[in-house]
């Protein structure tokens, strides 16, 4: 930028939900609406036209994922979902990714790791609902890019760090 300030950092918000505006959707919209646009550029990737319209009205870039997430209950993410997540991150030059739900989590984390983008998992993805296998998988995906000495003990326990 000519005045010496850097461009806003793109943040990709991945949201899986329904065609309504309720709890997690309202939280996401409040977060997107409250971001300092001089510092951050929100991008919302969701599977709901209703949420997409609300996010656009707040000035966020929007991607709509039609057809849901293919990984579902499978142990590993689908290759097509990982590729699509990687493409969305690349298209918007995302530097941080926030995920709100299990369905896109595996694919987005795998794509974030390969793109060297820092992931943030919402508190809505509760540790009590994860199996050890999923925790291991998350640790494996995130592990290569995390300085373990800076992780809290709680994070280490959640990710089952050795």
N, C-alpha and C. Protein backbone atom coordinates (compact mmCIF):
# COMPACT_ATOMS: atom_id res chain seq x y z
N UNK A 1 0.85 -1.18 0.00
CA UNK A 1 0.00 0.00 0.00
C UNK A 1 0.89 1.24 0.00
N UNK A 2 0.48 2.29 -0.69
CA UNK A 2 1.33 3.46 -0.84
C UNK A 2 1.63 4.19 0.47
N UNK A 3 0.76 4.13 1.47
CA UNK A 3 1.00 4.87 2.71
C UNK A 3 1.87 4.09 3.70
N UNK A 4 2.40 2.94 3.29
CA UNK A 4 3.31 2.18 4.14
C UNK A 4 2.63 1.13 5.01
N UNK A 5 1.32 1.14 5.10
CA UNK A 5 0.63 0.12 5.89
C UNK A 5 0.47 -1.14 5.06
N UNK A 6 0.47 -2.27 5.75
CA UNK A 6 0.31 -3.53 5.04
C UNK A 6 -1.17 -3.78 4.73
N UNK A 7 -1.40 -4.66 3.79
CA UNK A 7 -2.77 -5.02 3.42
C UNK A 7 -3.42 -5.79 4.56
N UNK A 8 -4.74 -5.73 4.67
CA UNK A 8 -5.43 -6.49 5.73
C UNK A 8 -5.17 -8.00 5.60
N UNK A 9 -5.04 -8.66 6.73
CA UNK A 9 -4.81 -10.10 6.76
C UNK A 9 -6.12 -10.85 6.51
N UNK A 10 -6.17 -11.67 5.46
CA UNK A 10 -7.39 -12.43 5.19
C UNK A 10 -7.58 -13.57 6.20
N UNK A 11 -8.78 -13.64 6.78
CA UNK A 11 -9.14 -14.70 7.71
C UNK A 11 -10.30 -15.48 7.10
N UNK A 12 -10.13 -16.78 6.94
CA UNK A 12 -11.17 -17.63 6.39
C UNK A 12 -11.98 -18.23 7.53
N UNK A 13 -13.28 -17.94 7.56
CA UNK A 13 -14.19 -18.50 8.55
C UNK A 13 -14.98 -19.61 7.87
N UNK A 14 -14.75 -20.85 8.26
CA UNK A 14 -15.44 -22.00 7.68
C UNK A 14 -16.58 -22.36 8.61
N UNK A 15 -17.80 -22.32 8.09
CA UNK A 15 -18.97 -22.56 8.94
C UNK A 15 -19.86 -23.62 8.32
N UNK A 16 -20.16 -24.64 9.10
CA UNK A 16 -21.09 -25.68 8.68
C UNK A 16 -22.34 -25.54 9.53
N UNK A 17 -23.48 -25.44 8.89
CA UNK A 17 -24.71 -25.26 9.66
C UNK A 17 -25.94 -25.50 8.82
N UNK A 18 -26.99 -24.81 9.14
CA UNK A 18 -28.26 -24.95 8.43
C UNK A 18 -28.65 -23.60 7.86
N UNK A 19 -29.72 -23.57 7.11
CA UNK A 19 -30.20 -22.33 6.50
C UNK A 19 -31.01 -21.51 7.49
N UNK A 20 -30.32 -21.01 8.51
CA UNK A 20 -30.94 -20.14 9.49
C UNK A 20 -29.85 -19.32 10.17
N UNK A 21 -30.28 -18.33 10.91
CA UNK A 21 -29.36 -17.54 11.71
C UNK A 21 -29.74 -17.77 13.17
N UNK A 22 -28.93 -18.57 13.85
CA UNK A 22 -29.14 -18.86 15.27
C UNK A 22 -27.84 -18.63 16.00
N UNK A 23 -27.54 -19.44 17.01
CA UNK A 23 -26.40 -19.22 17.89
C UNK A 23 -25.05 -19.05 17.21
N UNK A 24 -24.53 -20.13 16.60
CA UNK A 24 -23.18 -20.05 16.02
C UNK A 24 -23.14 -19.11 14.82
N UNK A 25 -24.23 -19.03 14.07
CA UNK A 25 -24.28 -18.11 12.93
C UNK A 25 -24.24 -16.65 13.42
N UNK A 26 -25.00 -16.37 14.48
CA UNK A 26 -25.01 -15.02 15.05
C UNK A 26 -23.63 -14.64 15.58
N UNK A 27 -22.98 -15.59 16.27
CA UNK A 27 -21.62 -15.33 16.77
C UNK A 27 -20.66 -15.03 15.63
N UNK A 28 -20.74 -15.81 14.57
CA UNK A 28 -19.88 -15.58 13.41
C UNK A 28 -20.14 -14.20 12.80
N UNK A 29 -21.40 -13.87 12.60
CA UNK A 29 -21.72 -12.57 12.01
C UNK A 29 -21.27 -11.41 12.91
N UNK A 30 -21.42 -11.57 14.22
CA UNK A 30 -20.94 -10.53 15.14
C UNK A 30 -19.43 -10.38 15.04
N UNK A 31 -18.73 -11.50 14.94
CA UNK A 31 -17.28 -11.47 14.81
C UNK A 31 -16.86 -10.80 13.51
N UNK A 32 -17.49 -11.20 12.41
CA UNK A 32 -17.17 -10.62 11.10
C UNK A 32 -17.48 -9.12 11.08
N UNK A 33 -18.62 -8.75 11.65
CA UNK A 33 -19.01 -7.35 11.66
C UNK A 33 -18.13 -6.48 12.55
N UNK A 34 -17.52 -7.09 13.58
CA UNK A 34 -16.71 -6.33 14.51
C UNK A 34 -15.23 -6.28 14.20
N UNK A 35 -14.79 -6.96 13.14
CA UNK A 35 -13.36 -6.95 12.80
C UNK A 35 -12.91 -5.59 12.30
N UNK A 36 -11.70 -5.21 12.67
CA UNK A 36 -11.07 -3.98 12.17
C UNK A 36 -10.68 -4.25 10.72
N UNK A 37 -11.39 -3.64 9.79
CA UNK A 37 -11.16 -3.92 8.36
C UNK A 37 -9.83 -3.36 7.86
N UNK A 38 -9.23 -2.47 8.61
CA UNK A 38 -7.90 -1.99 8.23
C UNK A 38 -6.85 -3.09 8.49
N UNK A 39 -7.16 -4.00 9.43
CA UNK A 39 -6.22 -5.06 9.78
C UNK A 39 -6.61 -6.43 9.26
N UNK A 40 -7.92 -6.69 9.12
CA UNK A 40 -8.38 -8.03 8.75
C UNK A 40 -9.42 -7.98 7.63
N UNK A 41 -9.34 -8.96 6.74
CA UNK A 41 -10.31 -9.10 5.65
C UNK A 41 -11.03 -10.43 5.82
N UNK A 42 -12.28 -10.42 6.32
CA UNK A 42 -12.99 -11.68 6.55
C UNK A 42 -13.48 -12.33 5.26
N UNK A 43 -13.33 -13.64 5.22
CA UNK A 43 -13.87 -14.46 4.12
C UNK A 43 -14.70 -15.55 4.79
N UNK A 44 -15.96 -15.66 4.43
CA UNK A 44 -16.84 -16.67 5.02
C UNK A 44 -17.08 -17.76 3.99
N UNK A 45 -16.76 -19.00 4.36
CA UNK A 45 -17.02 -20.16 3.51
C UNK A 45 -18.03 -21.01 4.26
N UNK A 46 -19.24 -21.07 3.73
CA UNK A 46 -20.32 -21.74 4.45
C UNK A 46 -21.16 -22.59 3.51
N UNK A 47 -22.07 -23.35 4.10
CA UNK A 47 -22.96 -24.20 3.32
C UNK A 47 -24.41 -23.73 3.43
N UNK A 48 -24.59 -22.44 3.70
CA UNK A 48 -25.93 -21.88 3.89
C UNK A 48 -26.08 -20.58 3.11
N UNK A 49 -27.08 -20.53 2.24
CA UNK A 49 -27.34 -19.30 1.48
C UNK A 49 -27.78 -18.16 2.39
N UNK A 50 -28.50 -18.50 3.47
CA UNK A 50 -28.96 -17.48 4.41
C UNK A 50 -27.77 -16.81 5.08
N UNK A 51 -26.83 -17.60 5.59
CA UNK A 51 -25.63 -17.06 6.23
C UNK A 51 -24.78 -16.30 5.21
N UNK A 52 -24.68 -16.83 4.01
CA UNK A 52 -23.89 -16.17 2.97
C UNK A 52 -24.44 -14.77 2.68
N UNK A 53 -25.74 -14.63 2.59
CA UNK A 53 -26.35 -13.33 2.32
C UNK A 53 -26.07 -12.34 3.45
N UNK A 54 -26.17 -12.81 4.69
CA UNK A 54 -25.90 -11.95 5.85
C UNK A 54 -24.44 -11.53 5.89
N UNK A 55 -23.53 -12.44 5.60
CA UNK A 55 -22.10 -12.13 5.61
C UNK A 55 -21.76 -11.13 4.49
N UNK A 56 -22.36 -11.31 3.32
CA UNK A 56 -22.15 -10.35 2.23
C UNK A 56 -22.63 -8.96 2.63
N UNK A 57 -23.76 -8.90 3.31
CA UNK A 57 -24.31 -7.61 3.75
C UNK A 57 -23.35 -6.90 4.71
N UNK A 58 -22.53 -7.68 5.41
CA UNK A 58 -21.53 -7.09 6.33
C UNK A 58 -20.22 -6.75 5.61
N UNK A 59 -20.16 -7.03 4.32
CA UNK A 59 -18.97 -6.69 3.54
C UNK A 59 -17.91 -7.76 3.47
N UNK A 60 -18.23 -8.97 3.91
CA UNK A 60 -17.26 -10.07 3.85
C UNK A 60 -17.28 -10.71 2.47
N UNK A 61 -16.13 -11.20 2.05
CA UNK A 61 -16.09 -12.04 0.85
C UNK A 61 -16.75 -13.36 1.24
N UNK A 62 -17.46 -13.99 0.32
CA UNK A 62 -18.22 -15.20 0.66
C UNK A 62 -18.01 -16.28 -0.39
N UNK A 63 -17.85 -17.50 0.08
CA UNK A 63 -17.84 -18.70 -0.75
C UNK A 63 -18.93 -19.60 -0.20
N UNK A 64 -19.75 -20.17 -1.07
CA UNK A 64 -20.81 -21.07 -0.61
C UNK A 64 -20.46 -22.49 -1.04
N UNK A 65 -20.46 -23.38 -0.07
CA UNK A 65 -20.17 -24.80 -0.29
C UNK A 65 -21.50 -25.52 -0.46
N UNK A 66 -21.82 -25.84 -1.68
CA UNK A 66 -23.09 -26.53 -1.95
C UNK A 66 -22.89 -28.04 -1.84
N UNK A 67 -23.85 -28.70 -1.25
CA UNK A 67 -23.80 -30.16 -1.18
C UNK A 67 -23.19 -30.72 0.08
N UNK A 68 -22.79 -29.89 1.02
CA UNK A 68 -22.26 -30.38 2.28
C UNK A 68 -20.83 -30.88 2.17
N UNK A 69 -20.34 -31.42 3.28
CA UNK A 69 -18.97 -31.89 3.37
C UNK A 69 -18.95 -33.39 3.16
N UNK A 70 -18.09 -33.88 2.28
CA UNK A 70 -18.07 -35.29 1.90
C UNK A 70 -17.45 -36.20 2.97
N UNK A 71 -16.57 -35.67 3.80
CA UNK A 71 -15.86 -36.52 4.77
C UNK A 71 -16.80 -37.17 5.76
N UNK A 72 -17.80 -36.43 6.21
CA UNK A 72 -18.77 -36.98 7.14
C UNK A 72 -18.12 -37.68 8.31
N UNK A 73 -18.53 -38.93 8.56
CA UNK A 73 -18.01 -39.69 9.68
C UNK A 73 -16.76 -40.50 9.32
N UNK A 74 -16.28 -40.36 8.11
CA UNK A 74 -15.09 -41.10 7.72
C UNK A 74 -13.88 -40.68 8.55
N UNK A 75 -12.95 -41.59 8.74
CA UNK A 75 -11.75 -41.30 9.52
C UNK A 75 -10.90 -40.23 8.84
N UNK A 76 -10.71 -40.37 7.55
CA UNK A 76 -9.86 -39.43 6.81
C UNK A 76 -10.73 -38.49 5.97
N UNK A 77 -10.22 -37.30 5.70
CA UNK A 77 -10.98 -36.37 4.87
C UNK A 77 -11.00 -36.81 3.42
N UNK A 78 -12.01 -36.40 2.69
CA UNK A 78 -12.06 -36.74 1.27
C UNK A 78 -11.05 -35.88 0.53
N UNK A 79 -10.43 -36.44 -0.48
CA UNK A 79 -9.43 -35.71 -1.26
C UNK A 79 -10.05 -34.50 -1.93
N UNK A 80 -11.30 -34.65 -2.39
CA UNK A 80 -11.93 -33.52 -3.07
C UNK A 80 -12.18 -32.36 -2.12
N UNK A 81 -12.59 -32.66 -0.87
CA UNK A 81 -12.80 -31.61 0.12
C UNK A 81 -11.49 -30.91 0.48
N UNK A 82 -10.42 -31.68 0.64
CA UNK A 82 -9.11 -31.09 0.96
C UNK A 82 -8.67 -30.19 -0.19
N UNK A 83 -8.81 -30.67 -1.40
CA UNK A 83 -8.43 -29.87 -2.57
C UNK A 83 -9.24 -28.59 -2.68
N UNK A 84 -10.54 -28.70 -2.43
CA UNK A 84 -11.39 -27.51 -2.49
C UNK A 84 -11.02 -26.52 -1.38
N UNK A 85 -10.77 -27.02 -0.17
CA UNK A 85 -10.37 -26.14 0.93
C UNK A 85 -9.05 -25.43 0.60
N UNK A 86 -8.11 -26.19 0.06
CA UNK A 86 -6.82 -25.60 -0.33
C UNK A 86 -7.03 -24.51 -1.39
N UNK A 87 -7.90 -24.76 -2.34
CA UNK A 87 -8.17 -23.78 -3.40
C UNK A 87 -8.81 -22.51 -2.83
N UNK A 88 -9.76 -22.66 -1.91
CA UNK A 88 -10.40 -21.48 -1.30
C UNK A 88 -9.37 -20.67 -0.52
N UNK A 89 -8.51 -21.35 0.24
CA UNK A 89 -7.45 -20.65 0.99
C UNK A 89 -6.52 -19.90 0.04
N UNK A 90 -6.16 -20.55 -1.04
CA UNK A 90 -5.26 -19.93 -2.02
C UNK A 90 -5.93 -18.75 -2.71
N UNK A 91 -7.17 -18.93 -3.12
CA UNK A 91 -7.89 -17.88 -3.84
C UNK A 91 -8.00 -16.59 -3.02
N UNK A 92 -8.17 -16.74 -1.71
CA UNK A 92 -8.34 -15.57 -0.85
C UNK A 92 -7.07 -15.23 -0.05
N UNK A 93 -5.98 -15.94 -0.31
CA UNK A 93 -4.70 -15.72 0.39
C UNK A 93 -4.88 -15.75 1.91
N UNK A 94 -5.69 -16.69 2.39
CA UNK A 94 -5.99 -16.78 3.83
C UNK A 94 -4.72 -17.03 4.63
N UNK A 95 -4.57 -16.32 5.74
CA UNK A 95 -3.44 -16.50 6.64
C UNK A 95 -3.86 -17.13 7.95
N UNK A 96 -5.15 -17.17 8.21
CA UNK A 96 -5.70 -17.78 9.41
C UNK A 96 -7.03 -18.40 9.02
N UNK A 97 -7.33 -19.58 9.58
CA UNK A 97 -8.58 -20.26 9.28
C UNK A 97 -9.29 -20.59 10.59
N UNK A 98 -10.56 -20.27 10.66
CA UNK A 98 -11.38 -20.59 11.84
C UNK A 98 -12.45 -21.59 11.39
N UNK A 99 -12.57 -22.71 12.11
CA UNK A 99 -13.55 -23.75 11.76
C UNK A 99 -14.50 -23.94 12.93
N UNK A 100 -15.80 -24.05 12.65
CA UNK A 100 -16.78 -24.14 13.73
C UNK A 100 -17.34 -25.54 13.98
N UNK A 101 -17.05 -26.52 13.11
CA UNK A 101 -17.75 -27.79 13.23
C UNK A 101 -16.87 -28.95 12.78
N UNK A 102 -17.26 -30.16 13.21
CA UNK A 102 -16.52 -31.37 12.86
C UNK A 102 -16.53 -31.69 11.37
N UNK A 103 -17.64 -31.43 10.71
CA UNK A 103 -17.78 -31.88 9.32
C UNK A 103 -16.67 -31.34 8.41
N UNK A 104 -16.41 -30.04 8.39
CA UNK A 104 -15.32 -29.56 7.54
C UNK A 104 -13.94 -29.61 8.20
N UNK A 105 -13.90 -29.93 9.49
CA UNK A 105 -12.66 -29.82 10.26
C UNK A 105 -11.50 -30.61 9.66
N UNK A 106 -11.70 -31.89 9.38
CA UNK A 106 -10.62 -32.73 8.89
C UNK A 106 -10.06 -32.22 7.57
N UNK A 107 -10.94 -31.86 6.66
CA UNK A 107 -10.51 -31.38 5.35
C UNK A 107 -9.79 -30.04 5.44
N UNK A 108 -10.33 -29.14 6.25
CA UNK A 108 -9.74 -27.81 6.37
C UNK A 108 -8.38 -27.88 7.07
N UNK A 109 -8.27 -28.70 8.11
CA UNK A 109 -6.98 -28.82 8.79
C UNK A 109 -5.92 -29.42 7.88
N UNK A 110 -6.29 -30.42 7.10
CA UNK A 110 -5.32 -31.01 6.17
C UNK A 110 -4.88 -29.98 5.13
N UNK A 111 -5.82 -29.21 4.62
CA UNK A 111 -5.49 -28.18 3.63
C UNK A 111 -4.66 -27.06 4.27
N UNK A 112 -5.01 -26.68 5.51
CA UNK A 112 -4.28 -25.62 6.20
C UNK A 112 -2.83 -26.03 6.43
N UNK A 113 -2.64 -27.28 6.78
CA UNK A 113 -1.28 -27.75 7.02
C UNK A 113 -0.44 -27.66 5.75
N UNK A 114 -0.99 -28.11 4.65
CA UNK A 114 -0.23 -28.09 3.40
C UNK A 114 -0.01 -26.67 2.89
N UNK A 115 -0.93 -25.76 3.23
CA UNK A 115 -0.79 -24.36 2.80
C UNK A 115 -0.04 -23.51 3.82
N UNK A 116 0.35 -24.13 4.96
CA UNK A 116 1.04 -23.42 6.04
C UNK A 116 0.21 -22.24 6.57
N UNK A 117 -1.07 -22.53 6.74
CA UNK A 117 -2.00 -21.55 7.28
C UNK A 117 -2.34 -21.98 8.70
N UNK A 118 -2.38 -21.04 9.63
CA UNK A 118 -2.64 -21.35 11.03
C UNK A 118 -4.13 -21.60 11.24
N UNK A 119 -4.52 -22.79 11.74
CA UNK A 119 -5.93 -23.07 11.98
C UNK A 119 -6.36 -22.69 13.39
N UNK A 120 -7.62 -22.35 13.55
CA UNK A 120 -8.23 -22.09 14.86
C UNK A 120 -9.54 -22.86 14.89
N UNK A 121 -9.68 -23.76 15.86
CA UNK A 121 -10.88 -24.57 15.96
C UNK A 121 -11.79 -23.94 17.00
N UNK A 122 -13.04 -23.73 16.66
CA UNK A 122 -14.00 -23.11 17.56
C UNK A 122 -14.22 -23.94 18.80
N UNK A 123 -14.60 -23.27 19.87
CA UNK A 123 -14.92 -23.99 21.11
C UNK A 123 -16.18 -24.83 20.95
N UNK A 124 -16.92 -24.63 19.86
CA UNK A 124 -18.10 -25.45 19.60
C UNK A 124 -17.70 -26.88 19.28
N UNK A 125 -16.46 -27.09 18.86
CA UNK A 125 -15.95 -28.43 18.62
C UNK A 125 -15.38 -28.90 19.96
N UNK A 126 -16.19 -29.57 20.74
CA UNK A 126 -15.85 -29.91 22.12
C UNK A 126 -14.95 -31.14 22.21
N UNK A 127 -13.91 -31.06 23.06
CA UNK A 127 -13.02 -32.21 23.23
C UNK A 127 -13.77 -33.46 23.68
N UNK A 128 -14.80 -33.31 24.49
CA UNK A 128 -15.52 -34.47 25.01
C UNK A 128 -16.20 -35.27 23.91
N UNK A 129 -16.47 -34.64 22.78
CA UNK A 129 -17.18 -35.34 21.71
C UNK A 129 -16.23 -35.99 20.71
N UNK A 130 -14.94 -35.77 20.85
CA UNK A 130 -13.96 -36.33 19.92
C UNK A 130 -13.47 -37.68 20.40
N UNK A 131 -13.18 -38.54 19.47
CA UNK A 131 -12.57 -39.81 19.82
C UNK A 131 -11.06 -39.64 19.85
N UNK A 132 -10.35 -40.61 20.43
CA UNK A 132 -8.89 -40.53 20.45
C UNK A 132 -8.32 -40.51 19.04
N UNK A 133 -8.97 -41.22 18.14
CA UNK A 133 -8.47 -41.26 16.76
C UNK A 133 -8.55 -39.89 16.13
N UNK A 134 -9.66 -39.20 16.31
CA UNK A 134 -9.78 -37.87 15.72
C UNK A 134 -8.79 -36.91 16.37
N UNK A 135 -8.60 -37.03 17.67
CA UNK A 135 -7.60 -36.19 18.35
C UNK A 135 -6.21 -36.46 17.78
N UNK A 136 -5.89 -37.73 17.59
CA UNK A 136 -4.60 -38.07 17.01
C UNK A 136 -4.47 -37.45 15.63
N UNK A 137 -5.53 -37.56 14.85
CA UNK A 137 -5.50 -37.04 13.48
C UNK A 137 -5.27 -35.53 13.48
N UNK A 138 -5.97 -34.82 14.35
CA UNK A 138 -5.80 -33.37 14.45
C UNK A 138 -4.37 -33.05 14.86
N UNK A 139 -3.85 -33.78 15.84
CA UNK A 139 -2.48 -33.55 16.30
C UNK A 139 -1.49 -33.79 15.17
N UNK A 140 -1.72 -34.83 14.40
CA UNK A 140 -0.83 -35.14 13.29
C UNK A 140 -0.85 -34.03 12.25
N UNK A 141 -2.02 -33.50 11.95
CA UNK A 141 -2.14 -32.45 10.94
C UNK A 141 -1.50 -31.16 11.43
N UNK A 142 -1.83 -30.75 12.63
CA UNK A 142 -1.36 -29.47 13.15
C UNK A 142 0.08 -29.57 13.64
N UNK A 143 0.48 -30.75 14.09
CA UNK A 143 1.75 -30.93 14.78
C UNK A 143 2.98 -30.42 14.09
N UNK A 144 3.09 -30.55 12.81
CA UNK A 144 4.33 -30.16 12.15
C UNK A 144 4.55 -28.66 12.17
N UNK A 145 3.49 -27.86 12.35
CA UNK A 145 3.66 -26.42 12.32
C UNK A 145 3.56 -25.75 13.66
N UNK A 146 3.55 -26.51 14.75
CA UNK A 146 3.34 -25.94 16.07
C UNK A 146 4.61 -26.03 16.89
N UNK A 147 4.99 -24.92 17.50
CA UNK A 147 6.10 -24.92 18.44
C UNK A 147 5.55 -25.44 19.76
N UNK A 148 5.85 -26.70 20.09
CA UNK A 148 5.25 -27.34 21.26
C UNK A 148 5.63 -26.64 22.56
N UNK A 149 6.77 -25.98 22.61
CA UNK A 149 7.18 -25.30 23.83
C UNK A 149 6.27 -24.13 24.16
N UNK A 150 5.53 -23.62 23.16
CA UNK A 150 4.64 -22.49 23.38
C UNK A 150 3.19 -22.91 23.59
N UNK A 151 2.92 -24.22 23.50
CA UNK A 151 1.56 -24.70 23.70
C UNK A 151 1.24 -24.80 25.18
N UNK A 152 0.02 -24.51 25.54
CA UNK A 152 -0.40 -24.67 26.93
C UNK A 152 -0.53 -26.15 27.24
N UNK A 153 -0.47 -26.51 28.51
CA UNK A 153 -0.65 -27.91 28.91
C UNK A 153 -2.02 -28.42 28.52
N UNK A 154 -3.03 -27.54 28.60
CA UNK A 154 -4.39 -27.94 28.22
C UNK A 154 -4.43 -28.32 26.74
N UNK A 155 -3.78 -27.52 25.89
CA UNK A 155 -3.74 -27.84 24.45
C UNK A 155 -3.02 -29.14 24.21
N UNK A 156 -1.92 -29.35 24.93
CA UNK A 156 -1.17 -30.59 24.75
C UNK A 156 -2.03 -31.80 25.13
N UNK A 157 -2.80 -31.67 26.23
CA UNK A 157 -3.67 -32.79 26.63
C UNK A 157 -4.75 -33.02 25.58
N UNK A 158 -5.35 -31.94 25.06
CA UNK A 158 -6.40 -32.10 24.06
C UNK A 158 -5.89 -32.81 22.82
N UNK A 159 -4.69 -32.43 22.37
CA UNK A 159 -4.13 -33.01 21.16
C UNK A 159 -3.35 -34.30 21.44
N UNK A 160 -3.38 -34.76 22.70
CA UNK A 160 -2.70 -35.99 23.09
C UNK A 160 -1.23 -35.97 22.71
N UNK A 161 -0.57 -34.83 22.98
CA UNK A 161 0.85 -34.72 22.68
C UNK A 161 1.65 -35.68 23.52
N UNK A 162 2.67 -36.29 22.97
CA UNK A 162 3.47 -37.25 23.75
C UNK A 162 4.26 -36.54 24.84
